Amino acid sequence: MAKVTFLPENRTVEFDLESLPYSEHGKPKSFLDIALHFGIHLEHACGGNCACTTCHVVVKKGAEFLNEMEDDEADRLDMAADLQLGSRLGCQAHFVRDGEVVIEIPSWNRNYVSEGGGSINLGDAIPAAKR
C-alpha cells in the first residue's frame, strides 16, 4: 500500500498502487493524479504536462519511494517560486514502490485556493479588468 499526507491540510490518503485508476493528470501515480482522484485541490494550470510550476510541492518525507527527477522536471523547477531542497512537480513526481510520503503544498499555492481562486486549468481565473 502507498500513503500520501498532504500538508498543511493534514489529509492522508491510502491506496493500492496497482489498482489506482489513472485519470491522465500528469504521470500515472503522480501526486497530481492522486490528489485529483481523492478530491484534493492541487493547482495544475498546464493540465499536468510539465509546462508550468503551479503543481509545485515539497516532499517532506519518503522521497525514496518516488521516481528520480528527470531533466524536464528539473529545468521547469528552476522557474518555481520558493524552491526548496525537496521541491518536485506534482505532475511528474510519482510512486515507484509502496511507501509513506508527506508533501506540502507551498503557501503561495495554498493562499490562491483559500482565497476562492478556481483552477486556471478549468478557466475559472478572473480577468484583471473584472476584479
N, C-alpha and C. Protein backbone atom coordinates (compact mmCIF):
# COMPACT_ATOMS: atom_id res chain seq x y z
N MET A 1 0.84 -1.19 0.00
CA MET A 1 0.00 0.00 0.00
C MET A 1 0.88 1.25 0.00
N ALA A 2 0.35 2.29 -0.58
CA ALA A 2 1.03 3.59 -0.61
C ALA A 2 0.17 4.58 0.17
N LYS A 3 0.84 5.56 0.74
CA LYS A 3 0.14 6.55 1.56
C LYS A 3 0.77 7.91 1.31
N VAL A 4 -0.09 8.93 1.13
CA VAL A 4 0.39 10.31 0.98
C VAL A 4 -0.36 11.18 1.97
N THR A 5 0.39 12.01 2.69
CA THR A 5 -0.20 13.03 3.54
C THR A 5 0.05 14.37 2.87
N PHE A 6 -1.03 15.12 2.63
CA PHE A 6 -0.96 16.43 2.01
C PHE A 6 -1.02 17.48 3.12
N LEU A 7 0.05 18.28 3.26
CA LEU A 7 0.11 19.37 4.24
C LEU A 7 -0.16 20.68 3.51
N PRO A 8 -0.67 21.69 4.15
CA PRO A 8 -0.98 21.79 5.57
C PRO A 8 -2.35 21.24 5.93
N GLU A 9 -3.09 20.74 4.95
CA GLU A 9 -4.43 20.21 5.20
C GLU A 9 -4.38 19.02 6.15
N ASN A 10 -3.22 18.36 6.22
CA ASN A 10 -3.01 17.17 7.04
C ASN A 10 -4.01 16.07 6.67
N ARG A 11 -4.24 15.93 5.38
CA ARG A 11 -5.16 14.90 4.88
C ARG A 11 -4.32 13.76 4.31
N THR A 12 -4.57 12.56 4.80
CA THR A 12 -3.83 11.38 4.37
C THR A 12 -4.74 10.47 3.55
N VAL A 13 -4.22 10.00 2.43
CA VAL A 13 -4.94 9.04 1.60
C VAL A 13 -4.07 7.81 1.44
N GLU A 14 -4.71 6.66 1.43
CA GLU A 14 -4.01 5.39 1.29
C GLU A 14 -4.63 4.64 0.12
N PHE A 15 -3.80 3.95 -0.66
CA PHE A 15 -4.31 3.29 -1.85
C PHE A 15 -3.35 2.20 -2.30
N ASP A 16 -3.87 1.32 -3.15
CA ASP A 16 -3.08 0.27 -3.76
C ASP A 16 -2.51 0.80 -5.06
N LEU A 17 -1.20 0.83 -5.19
CA LEU A 17 -0.56 1.38 -6.39
C LEU A 17 -0.99 0.64 -7.66
N GLU A 18 -1.25 -0.63 -7.54
CA GLU A 18 -1.59 -1.43 -8.73
C GLU A 18 -3.01 -1.20 -9.21
N SER A 19 -3.91 -0.75 -8.32
CA SER A 19 -5.30 -0.59 -8.73
C SER A 19 -5.78 0.86 -8.75
N LEU A 20 -4.89 1.81 -8.47
CA LEU A 20 -5.29 3.22 -8.52
C LEU A 20 -5.60 3.59 -9.97
N PRO A 21 -6.82 4.03 -10.25
CA PRO A 21 -7.16 4.39 -11.63
C PRO A 21 -6.34 5.59 -12.09
N TYR A 22 -5.92 5.58 -13.34
CA TYR A 22 -5.17 6.70 -13.91
C TYR A 22 -6.13 7.59 -14.67
N SER A 23 -6.15 8.87 -14.29
CA SER A 23 -7.07 9.83 -14.90
C SER A 23 -6.36 10.81 -15.82
N GLU A 24 -5.14 10.47 -16.21
CA GLU A 24 -4.36 11.28 -17.15
C GLU A 24 -4.08 12.70 -16.65
N HIS A 25 -3.82 12.81 -15.35
CA HIS A 25 -3.41 14.08 -14.74
C HIS A 25 -1.95 13.94 -14.36
N GLY A 26 -1.06 14.37 -15.24
CA GLY A 26 0.36 14.16 -15.01
C GLY A 26 0.71 12.72 -15.29
N LYS A 27 1.79 12.27 -14.69
CA LYS A 27 2.22 10.88 -14.88
C LYS A 27 1.37 9.96 -14.01
N PRO A 28 1.22 8.69 -14.42
CA PRO A 28 0.48 7.74 -13.57
C PRO A 28 1.12 7.65 -12.18
N LYS A 29 0.29 7.62 -11.15
CA LYS A 29 0.70 7.52 -9.75
C LYS A 29 1.41 8.78 -9.26
N SER A 30 1.22 9.90 -9.99
CA SER A 30 1.82 11.17 -9.57
C SER A 30 0.99 11.80 -8.46
N PHE A 31 1.59 12.75 -7.75
CA PHE A 31 0.84 13.45 -6.70
C PHE A 31 -0.38 14.15 -7.26
N LEU A 32 -0.25 14.71 -8.46
CA LEU A 32 -1.39 15.38 -9.07
C LEU A 32 -2.51 14.40 -9.35
N ASP A 33 -2.20 13.27 -9.94
CA ASP A 33 -3.23 12.27 -10.24
C ASP A 33 -3.87 11.74 -8.96
N ILE A 34 -3.06 11.50 -7.94
CA ILE A 34 -3.58 11.02 -6.65
C ILE A 34 -4.47 12.08 -6.01
N ALA A 35 -4.00 13.32 -5.98
CA ALA A 35 -4.78 14.40 -5.35
C ALA A 35 -6.14 14.54 -6.01
N LEU A 36 -6.16 14.59 -7.32
CA LEU A 36 -7.43 14.78 -8.02
C LEU A 36 -8.34 13.56 -7.86
N HIS A 37 -7.76 12.38 -7.80
CA HIS A 37 -8.56 11.17 -7.59
C HIS A 37 -9.28 11.22 -6.23
N PHE A 38 -8.62 11.79 -5.22
CA PHE A 38 -9.20 11.84 -3.88
C PHE A 38 -9.85 13.19 -3.55
N GLY A 39 -10.04 14.05 -4.54
CA GLY A 39 -10.74 15.31 -4.32
C GLY A 39 -9.93 16.36 -3.57
N ILE A 40 -8.61 16.30 -3.68
CA ILE A 40 -7.73 17.28 -3.04
C ILE A 40 -7.26 18.25 -4.12
N HIS A 41 -7.41 19.54 -3.86
CA HIS A 41 -7.04 20.53 -4.88
C HIS A 41 -5.52 20.70 -4.93
N LEU A 42 -4.98 20.49 -6.11
CA LEU A 42 -3.58 20.81 -6.40
C LEU A 42 -3.60 21.50 -7.76
N GLU A 43 -3.26 22.76 -7.76
CA GLU A 43 -3.30 23.55 -8.99
C GLU A 43 -2.49 22.87 -10.09
N HIS A 44 -2.94 23.04 -11.33
CA HIS A 44 -2.25 22.40 -12.47
C HIS A 44 -2.65 23.14 -13.74
N ALA A 45 -2.14 24.34 -13.88
CA ALA A 45 -2.53 25.22 -14.98
C ALA A 45 -2.25 24.61 -16.35
N CYS A 46 -1.23 23.79 -16.47
CA CYS A 46 -0.89 23.23 -17.79
C CYS A 46 -1.53 21.86 -18.02
N GLY A 47 -2.36 21.42 -17.10
CA GLY A 47 -3.00 20.13 -17.26
C GLY A 47 -2.11 18.95 -16.91
N GLY A 48 -1.02 19.19 -16.21
CA GLY A 48 -0.12 18.11 -15.81
C GLY A 48 0.87 17.71 -16.88
N ASN A 49 1.24 18.66 -17.73
CA ASN A 49 2.14 18.37 -18.84
C ASN A 49 3.58 18.86 -18.64
N CYS A 50 3.97 19.20 -17.43
CA CYS A 50 5.32 19.68 -17.12
C CYS A 50 5.65 20.94 -17.91
N ALA A 51 4.66 21.82 -18.05
CA ALA A 51 4.87 23.06 -18.80
C ALA A 51 4.73 24.29 -17.91
N CYS A 52 4.51 24.10 -16.61
CA CYS A 52 4.42 25.21 -15.66
C CYS A 52 4.90 24.73 -14.30
N THR A 53 4.74 25.53 -13.27
CA THR A 53 5.16 25.12 -11.93
C THR A 53 4.03 25.23 -10.91
N THR A 54 2.80 25.33 -11.36
CA THR A 54 1.69 25.55 -10.42
C THR A 54 1.41 24.34 -9.54
N CYS A 55 1.88 23.15 -9.90
CA CYS A 55 1.67 21.96 -9.07
C CYS A 55 2.89 21.67 -8.18
N HIS A 56 3.72 22.68 -7.99
CA HIS A 56 4.93 22.56 -7.16
C HIS A 56 4.56 22.09 -5.75
N VAL A 57 5.22 21.04 -5.29
CA VAL A 57 5.06 20.54 -3.93
C VAL A 57 6.45 20.34 -3.33
N VAL A 58 6.49 20.21 -2.02
CA VAL A 58 7.76 19.94 -1.33
C VAL A 58 7.62 18.60 -0.61
N VAL A 59 8.49 17.67 -0.96
CA VAL A 59 8.48 16.35 -0.33
C VAL A 59 9.19 16.48 1.02
N LYS A 60 8.44 16.23 2.08
CA LYS A 60 8.97 16.35 3.44
C LYS A 60 9.48 15.02 3.98
N LYS A 61 8.91 13.92 3.47
CA LYS A 61 9.27 12.58 3.95
C LYS A 61 8.95 11.58 2.86
N GLY A 62 9.82 10.60 2.66
CA GLY A 62 9.52 9.49 1.77
C GLY A 62 10.00 9.62 0.34
N ALA A 63 10.95 10.49 0.08
CA ALA A 63 11.44 10.68 -1.30
C ALA A 63 11.98 9.38 -1.90
N GLU A 64 12.42 8.45 -1.07
CA GLU A 64 12.97 7.20 -1.56
C GLU A 64 11.93 6.29 -2.24
N PHE A 65 10.65 6.61 -2.08
CA PHE A 65 9.58 5.83 -2.71
C PHE A 65 9.16 6.41 -4.06
N LEU A 66 9.83 7.48 -4.47
CA LEU A 66 9.46 8.21 -5.68
C LEU A 66 10.49 8.02 -6.78
N ASN A 67 10.07 8.35 -8.00
CA ASN A 67 10.97 8.31 -9.15
C ASN A 67 12.07 9.36 -9.00
N GLU A 68 13.17 9.14 -9.70
CA GLU A 68 14.22 10.15 -9.78
C GLU A 68 13.72 11.31 -10.64
N MET A 69 14.15 12.50 -10.32
CA MET A 69 13.75 13.67 -11.10
C MET A 69 14.40 13.61 -12.49
N GLU A 70 13.58 13.81 -13.52
CA GLU A 70 14.09 13.84 -14.88
C GLU A 70 14.48 15.27 -15.26
N ASP A 71 15.25 15.42 -16.34
CA ASP A 71 15.75 16.73 -16.76
C ASP A 71 14.64 17.74 -17.02
N ASP A 72 13.54 17.31 -17.65
CA ASP A 72 12.43 18.24 -17.93
C ASP A 72 11.88 18.85 -16.65
N GLU A 73 11.70 18.00 -15.63
CA GLU A 73 11.18 18.49 -14.35
C GLU A 73 12.18 19.43 -13.68
N ALA A 74 13.44 19.06 -13.68
CA ALA A 74 14.48 19.90 -13.06
C ALA A 74 14.56 21.26 -13.75
N ASP A 75 14.50 21.26 -15.07
CA ASP A 75 14.54 22.53 -15.81
C ASP A 75 13.33 23.40 -15.48
N ARG A 76 12.17 22.80 -15.38
CA ARG A 76 10.94 23.56 -15.08
C ARG A 76 11.00 24.08 -13.65
N LEU A 77 11.49 23.27 -12.71
CA LEU A 77 11.55 23.68 -11.30
C LEU A 77 12.47 24.88 -11.09
N ASP A 78 13.43 25.07 -11.97
CA ASP A 78 14.31 26.24 -11.86
C ASP A 78 13.52 27.54 -11.89
N MET A 79 12.31 27.50 -12.41
CA MET A 79 11.47 28.70 -12.51
C MET A 79 10.42 28.77 -11.40
N ALA A 80 10.40 27.81 -10.50
CA ALA A 80 9.38 27.75 -9.45
C ALA A 80 9.64 28.77 -8.35
N ALA A 81 8.56 29.32 -7.82
CA ALA A 81 8.65 30.20 -6.65
C ALA A 81 8.98 29.36 -5.42
N ASP A 82 9.74 29.92 -4.49
CA ASP A 82 10.00 29.28 -3.20
C ASP A 82 10.62 27.89 -3.36
N LEU A 83 11.58 27.76 -4.25
CA LEU A 83 12.24 26.47 -4.49
C LEU A 83 12.95 26.01 -3.22
N GLN A 84 12.75 24.74 -2.87
CA GLN A 84 13.36 24.16 -1.67
C GLN A 84 14.04 22.85 -2.02
N LEU A 85 14.80 22.31 -1.08
CA LEU A 85 15.56 21.09 -1.32
C LEU A 85 14.66 19.93 -1.78
N GLY A 86 13.47 19.80 -1.21
CA GLY A 86 12.57 18.70 -1.56
C GLY A 86 11.55 19.05 -2.62
N SER A 87 11.74 20.14 -3.34
CA SER A 87 10.77 20.58 -4.35
C SER A 87 10.65 19.57 -5.48
N ARG A 88 9.41 19.31 -5.87
CA ARG A 88 9.09 18.47 -7.02
C ARG A 88 7.84 19.04 -7.69
N LEU A 89 7.60 18.65 -8.91
CA LEU A 89 6.35 18.99 -9.58
C LEU A 89 5.36 17.85 -9.31
N GLY A 90 4.19 18.21 -8.85
CA GLY A 90 3.18 17.21 -8.51
C GLY A 90 2.76 16.36 -9.69
N CYS A 91 2.91 16.88 -10.90
CA CYS A 91 2.53 16.12 -12.10
C CYS A 91 3.60 15.15 -12.54
N GLN A 92 4.83 15.32 -12.07
CA GLN A 92 5.96 14.50 -12.51
C GLN A 92 6.44 13.52 -11.45
N ALA A 93 6.41 13.92 -10.18
CA ALA A 93 6.86 13.05 -9.10
C ALA A 93 5.82 11.96 -8.88
N HIS A 94 6.25 10.71 -8.96
CA HIS A 94 5.29 9.62 -8.81
C HIS A 94 5.92 8.45 -8.06
N PHE A 95 5.04 7.64 -7.47
CA PHE A 95 5.47 6.47 -6.73
C PHE A 95 6.09 5.43 -7.66
N VAL A 96 7.19 4.83 -7.20
CA VAL A 96 7.77 3.69 -7.91
C VAL A 96 7.64 2.41 -7.08
N ARG A 97 7.31 2.58 -5.80
CA ARG A 97 7.05 1.43 -4.93
C ARG A 97 6.24 1.90 -3.72
N ASP A 98 5.65 0.95 -3.04
CA ASP A 98 4.83 1.25 -1.86
C ASP A 98 5.66 1.97 -0.80
N GLY A 99 5.01 2.88 -0.09
CA GLY A 99 5.66 3.59 0.99
C GLY A 99 4.79 4.74 1.46
N GLU A 100 5.30 5.46 2.45
CA GLU A 100 4.59 6.59 3.02
C GLU A 100 5.33 7.88 2.70
N VAL A 101 4.61 8.83 2.10
CA VAL A 101 5.20 10.10 1.68
C VAL A 101 4.39 11.24 2.29
N VAL A 102 5.09 12.28 2.71
CA VAL A 102 4.45 13.50 3.20
C VAL A 102 4.90 14.63 2.29
N ILE A 103 3.91 15.37 1.74
CA ILE A 103 4.23 16.51 0.89
C ILE A 103 3.51 17.74 1.42
N GLU A 104 4.09 18.89 1.13
CA GLU A 104 3.48 20.16 1.50
C GLU A 104 3.21 20.97 0.24
N ILE A 105 2.01 21.51 0.15
CA ILE A 105 1.68 22.43 -0.93
C ILE A 105 2.16 23.81 -0.47
N PRO A 106 3.06 24.46 -1.21
CA PRO A 106 3.62 25.74 -0.77
C PRO A 106 2.54 26.81 -0.50
N SER A 107 2.85 27.74 0.38
CA SER A 107 1.87 28.74 0.81
C SER A 107 1.35 29.59 -0.32
N TRP A 108 2.18 29.92 -1.32
CA TRP A 108 1.68 30.76 -2.42
C TRP A 108 0.58 30.06 -3.19
N ASN A 109 0.62 28.75 -3.27
CA ASN A 109 -0.42 27.98 -3.94
C ASN A 109 -1.62 27.80 -3.02
N ARG A 110 -1.39 27.53 -1.75
CA ARG A 110 -2.49 27.38 -0.78
C ARG A 110 -3.27 28.67 -0.67
N ASN A 111 -2.59 29.81 -0.63
CA ASN A 111 -3.27 31.09 -0.48
C ASN A 111 -4.21 31.34 -1.64
N TYR A 112 -3.82 30.97 -2.84
CA TYR A 112 -4.67 31.15 -4.01
C TYR A 112 -5.96 30.35 -3.82
N VAL A 113 -5.84 29.12 -3.36
CA VAL A 113 -7.00 28.27 -3.17
C VAL A 113 -7.87 28.81 -2.03
N SER A 114 -7.26 29.18 -0.90
CA SER A 114 -8.04 29.62 0.26
C SER A 114 -8.77 30.93 0.03
N GLU A 115 -8.31 31.71 -0.93
CA GLU A 115 -8.98 32.97 -1.23
C GLU A 115 -10.05 32.82 -2.29
N GLY A 116 -10.40 31.58 -2.61
CA GLY A 116 -11.51 31.34 -3.51
C GLY A 116 -11.16 31.27 -4.97
N GLY A 117 -9.87 31.23 -5.29
CA GLY A 117 -9.48 31.12 -6.69
C GLY A 117 -9.85 29.75 -7.23
N GLY A 118 -10.25 29.70 -8.46
CA GLY A 118 -10.55 28.42 -9.11
C GLY A 118 -9.34 27.92 -9.84
N SER A 119 -9.46 26.80 -10.45
CA SER A 119 -8.37 26.23 -11.21
C SER A 119 -8.19 27.00 -12.51
N ILE A 120 -6.99 27.47 -12.74
CA ILE A 120 -6.69 28.15 -14.00
C ILE A 120 -6.93 27.18 -15.15
N ASN A 121 -6.62 25.91 -14.93
CA ASN A 121 -6.79 24.90 -15.96
C ASN A 121 -8.25 24.77 -16.39
N LEU A 122 -9.18 25.07 -15.50
CA LEU A 122 -10.60 24.93 -15.80
C LEU A 122 -11.21 26.25 -16.24
N GLY A 123 -10.40 27.28 -16.35
CA GLY A 123 -10.90 28.55 -16.85
C GLY A 123 -11.64 29.41 -15.85
N ASP A 124 -11.39 29.21 -14.55
CA ASP A 124 -12.10 29.96 -13.53
C ASP A 124 -11.38 31.24 -13.10
N ALA A 125 -10.24 31.55 -13.71
CA ALA A 125 -9.49 32.74 -13.33
C ALA A 125 -10.30 33.98 -13.69
N ILE A 126 -10.24 34.98 -12.83
CA ILE A 126 -10.97 36.23 -13.07
C ILE A 126 -10.08 37.19 -13.82
N PRO A 127 -10.51 37.68 -14.99
CA PRO A 127 -9.69 38.65 -15.72
C PRO A 127 -9.45 39.90 -14.88
N ALA A 128 -8.27 40.49 -15.02
CA ALA A 128 -7.90 41.67 -14.24
C ALA A 128 -8.92 42.80 -14.41
N ALA A 129 -9.50 42.94 -15.57
CA ALA A 129 -10.46 44.01 -15.84
C ALA A 129 -11.75 43.86 -15.03
N LYS A 130 -12.05 42.67 -14.53
CA LYS A 130 -13.30 42.42 -13.81
C LYS A 130 -13.09 42.35 -12.31
N ARG A 131 -11.87 42.53 -11.82
CA ARG A 131 -11.62 42.44 -10.36
C ARG A 131 -12.03 43.69 -9.66
